[in-house]
């Protein structure tokens, strides 16, 4: 055993001496140059009042109007001028049947039919308060019986949303009861 320790010691000394001899000599490091700063005082001229200051002759530039960046506002369509006070308000309810009058009453009946139908509810801003209420009632009655239309989402994305909701529900139950979700199923199976 002593022979092994002696051989190990001699081997280690040989390796360390080889490493010490093969190490290159490092050149002496020069100190970095000294950073010198020369402080020069700033001389400010004495302040002059505007009244005593000499007037500089500067050329006055004339003001030029800015360029207009709006598009041309002329349109080939004449504007529709309506008067809200002059427009008669028709009562909301079932439209009267076709009138027995001649064609003179037909435009008024067509107007009332369009305003009270589905087409008239498209733009609520043009309707009176009573007509708007009638349109909202029709919309509410139709929404009650209408089937649910699912949103157009890809199946895998919808499945991911459903899994996320289920995980959140499990965590909500865990926070409320203190029983980890996996333990709850194990407890139910053990009963």
Protein backbone atom coordinates (compact mmCIF):
# COMPACT_ATOMS: atom_id res chain seq x y z
CA UNK A 1 0.00 0.00 0.00
CA UNK A 2 2.85 2.37 0.77
CA UNK A 3 4.29 1.60 -2.64
CA UNK A 4 1.05 2.67 -4.30
CA UNK A 5 0.96 5.93 -2.33
CA UNK A 6 4.60 6.66 -3.17
CA UNK A 7 4.03 5.97 -6.89
CA UNK A 8 0.93 8.18 -6.86
CA UNK A 9 2.83 11.02 -5.18
CA UNK A 10 5.74 10.78 -7.67
CA UNK A 11 3.27 10.72 -10.61
CA UNK A 12 1.41 13.77 -9.38
CA UNK A 13 4.65 15.70 -8.84
CA UNK A 14 5.77 14.84 -12.37
CA UNK A 15 2.50 16.07 -13.91
CA UNK A 16 2.48 19.30 -11.89
CA UNK A 17 6.13 20.03 -12.78
CA UNK A 18 5.35 19.52 -16.50
CA UNK A 19 2.39 21.89 -16.23
CA UNK A 20 4.50 24.50 -14.43
CA UNK A 21 7.27 24.32 -17.07
CA UNK A 22 4.91 24.41 -20.06
CA UNK A 23 3.02 27.47 -18.82
CA UNK A 24 3.88 30.46 -21.03
CA UNK A 25 5.28 33.51 -19.30
CA UNK A 26 2.85 36.40 -19.15
CA UNK A 27 4.11 39.77 -20.30
CA UNK A 28 3.88 42.52 -17.71
CA UNK A 29 0.61 44.40 -17.97
CA UNK A 30 0.95 48.10 -18.56
CA UNK A 31 -1.19 50.42 -16.52
CA UNK A 32 -3.99 52.09 -18.52
CA UNK A 33 -3.37 55.72 -19.42
CA UNK A 34 -4.56 58.32 -16.96
CA UNK A 35 -7.82 59.96 -17.86
CA UNK A 36 -7.26 63.68 -17.78
CA UNK A 37 -10.09 66.22 -17.84
CA UNK A 38 -9.46 69.90 -18.25
CA UNK A 39 -12.23 72.05 -16.83
CA UNK A 40 -12.75 75.28 -18.73
CA UNK A 41 -15.04 77.89 -17.23
CA UNK A 42 -17.95 78.98 -19.40
CA UNK A 43 -18.11 82.71 -19.83
CA UNK A 44 -21.62 83.98 -20.45
CA UNK A 45 -22.10 87.43 -21.92
CA UNK A 46 -24.03 89.87 -19.74
CA UNK A 47 -27.79 89.87 -20.28
CA UNK A 48 -29.28 92.67 -22.28
CA UNK A 49 -32.80 93.96 -21.92
CA UNK A 50 -34.99 93.72 -24.98
CA UNK A 51 -35.43 97.48 -24.98
CA UNK A 52 -31.70 98.13 -25.20
CA UNK A 53 -30.86 95.15 -27.39
CA UNK A 54 -30.06 95.96 -30.98
CA UNK A 55 -32.82 95.07 -33.42
CA UNK A 56 -31.78 92.45 -35.92
CA UNK A 57 -32.98 92.93 -39.40
CA UNK A 58 -34.64 89.64 -40.23
CA UNK A 59 -36.66 88.94 -43.26
CA UNK A 60 -40.29 88.39 -42.36
CA UNK A 61 -41.71 85.46 -44.20
CA UNK A 62 -45.26 85.87 -45.40
CA UNK A 63 -47.81 83.46 -44.00
CA UNK A 64 -48.91 80.82 -46.44
CA UNK A 65 -52.12 78.87 -46.02
CA UNK A 66 -51.77 75.16 -45.37
CA UNK A 67 -52.61 72.67 -48.03
CA UNK A 68 -56.03 71.08 -47.58
CA UNK A 69 -55.76 67.32 -47.06
CA UNK A 70 -59.47 66.53 -47.43
CA UNK A 71 -60.87 64.83 -50.50
CA UNK A 72 -63.15 66.71 -52.80
CA UNK A 73 -66.58 66.92 -51.19
CA UNK A 74 -68.62 67.13 -54.34
CA UNK A 75 -70.83 64.15 -54.99
CA UNK A 76 -72.96 63.25 -58.00
CA UNK A 77 -75.88 62.29 -55.72
CA UNK A 78 -78.17 65.00 -54.42
CA UNK A 79 -78.65 64.97 -50.65
CA UNK A 80 -81.96 63.76 -49.23
CA UNK A 81 -83.58 66.50 -47.20
CA UNK A 82 -86.16 65.30 -44.68
CA UNK A 83 -88.00 67.14 -41.99
CA UNK A 84 -88.73 65.17 -38.83
CA UNK A 85 -91.58 67.52 -37.91
CA UNK A 86 -93.25 67.15 -41.31
CA UNK A 87 -93.14 63.34 -41.30
CA UNK A 88 -96.45 61.89 -40.10
CA UNK A 89 -96.19 59.18 -37.51
CA UNK A 90 -98.21 56.06 -38.13
CA UNK A 91 -99.53 54.09 -35.17
CA UNK A 92 -97.88 50.73 -34.51
CA UNK A 93 -100.16 47.80 -35.08
CA UNK A 94 -101.44 45.62 -37.83
CA UNK A 95 -101.52 47.39 -41.11
CA UNK A 96 -104.93 48.08 -42.50
CA UNK A 97 -105.98 45.96 -45.40
CA UNK A 98 -105.76 47.19 -48.94
CA UNK A 99 -107.77 50.33 -49.31
CA UNK A 100 -110.72 50.49 -51.56
CA UNK A 101 -109.49 53.82 -52.82
CA UNK A 102 -107.90 54.20 -56.18
CA UNK A 103 -104.15 54.25 -56.83
CA UNK A 104 -103.81 57.57 -54.98
CA UNK A 105 -103.77 55.74 -51.61
CA UNK A 106 -101.38 52.96 -52.77
CA UNK A 107 -98.07 54.76 -52.00
CA UNK A 108 -99.17 55.49 -48.43
CA UNK A 109 -100.20 51.85 -47.90
CA UNK A 110 -96.89 50.65 -49.32
CA UNK A 111 -95.01 53.04 -47.05
CA UNK A 112 -96.90 51.84 -43.97
CA UNK A 113 -96.42 48.20 -44.93
CA UNK A 114 -92.68 48.65 -45.37
CA UNK A 115 -92.29 50.63 -42.14
CA UNK A 116 -94.24 48.10 -40.07
CA UNK A 117 -92.68 45.04 -41.68
CA UNK A 118 -89.26 43.48 -41.22
CA UNK A 119 -87.69 45.90 -43.68
CA UNK A 120 -88.74 48.95 -41.66
CA UNK A 121 -86.96 47.69 -38.54
CA UNK A 122 -83.59 47.68 -40.33
CA UNK A 123 -82.90 51.35 -39.54
CA UNK A 124 -84.33 52.32 -36.17
CA UNK A 125 -83.06 55.89 -36.41
CA UNK A 126 -85.68 56.70 -39.07
CA UNK A 127 -88.60 55.40 -37.00
CA UNK A 128 -90.68 57.12 -34.35
CA UNK A 129 -90.52 56.04 -30.72
CA UNK A 130 -93.68 53.91 -31.00
CA UNK A 131 -92.42 52.23 -34.19
CA UNK A 132 -89.07 51.48 -32.55
CA UNK A 133 -90.85 49.87 -29.58
CA UNK A 134 -92.89 47.74 -32.00
CA UNK A 135 -89.73 46.61 -33.79
CA UNK A 136 -88.05 45.71 -30.50
CA UNK A 137 -91.12 43.71 -29.46
CA UNK A 138 -91.03 41.77 -32.76
CA UNK A 139 -87.32 41.10 -32.28
CA UNK A 140 -87.86 39.89 -28.71
CA UNK A 141 -90.72 37.61 -29.72
CA UNK A 142 -88.64 36.09 -32.52
CA UNK A 143 -85.58 35.60 -30.29
CA UNK A 144 -87.56 33.59 -27.77
CA UNK A 145 -88.46 30.90 -30.30
CA UNK A 146 -85.31 31.01 -32.43
CA UNK A 147 -82.92 28.01 -32.28
CA UNK A 148 -79.42 28.49 -30.85
CA UNK A 149 -76.81 29.01 -33.54
CA UNK A 150 -73.37 27.94 -32.29
CA UNK A 151 -70.44 30.23 -33.10
CA UNK A 152 -68.31 29.17 -36.09
CA UNK A 153 -65.27 27.85 -34.17
CA UNK A 154 -63.08 24.92 -35.22
CA UNK A 155 -63.82 21.68 -33.35
CA UNK A 156 -60.37 21.35 -31.80
CA UNK A 157 -60.45 24.96 -30.58
CA UNK A 158 -63.95 24.45 -29.16
CA UNK A 159 -62.81 21.25 -27.45
CA UNK A 160 -59.86 23.14 -25.96
CA UNK A 161 -62.21 25.82 -24.61
CA UNK A 162 -64.46 23.15 -23.09
CA UNK A 163 -61.47 21.46 -21.43
CA UNK A 164 -60.30 24.79 -20.02
CA UNK A 165 -63.78 25.49 -18.60
CA UNK A 166 -63.90 22.01 -17.02
CA UNK A 167 -60.45 22.51 -15.44
CA UNK A 168 -61.50 25.90 -14.06
CA UNK A 169 -64.66 24.33 -12.62
CA UNK A 170 -62.57 21.60 -10.94
CA UNK A 171 -60.26 24.23 -9.41
CA UNK A 172 -63.25 26.25 -8.21
CA UNK A 173 -64.60 23.17 -6.43
CA UNK A 174 -61.13 22.46 -5.01
CA UNK A 175 -60.86 25.96 -3.58
CA UNK A 176 -64.34 25.71 -2.08
CA UNK A 177 -64.06 22.18 -0.58
CA UNK A 178 -60.30 21.64 -0.20
CA UNK A 179 -60.49 18.19 -1.83
CA UNK A 180 -58.25 17.73 -4.86
CA UNK A 181 -60.25 16.74 -8.01
CA UNK A 182 -58.50 13.37 -8.46
CA UNK A 183 -59.17 12.46 -4.84
CA UNK A 184 -62.87 13.23 -5.20
CA UNK A 185 -63.31 10.61 -7.95
CA UNK A 186 -61.29 8.09 -5.94
CA UNK A 187 -63.49 8.70 -2.90
CA UNK A 188 -66.65 8.24 -5.00
CA UNK A 189 -65.29 4.98 -6.45
CA UNK A 190 -64.41 3.68 -2.97
CA UNK A 191 -67.98 4.06 -1.70
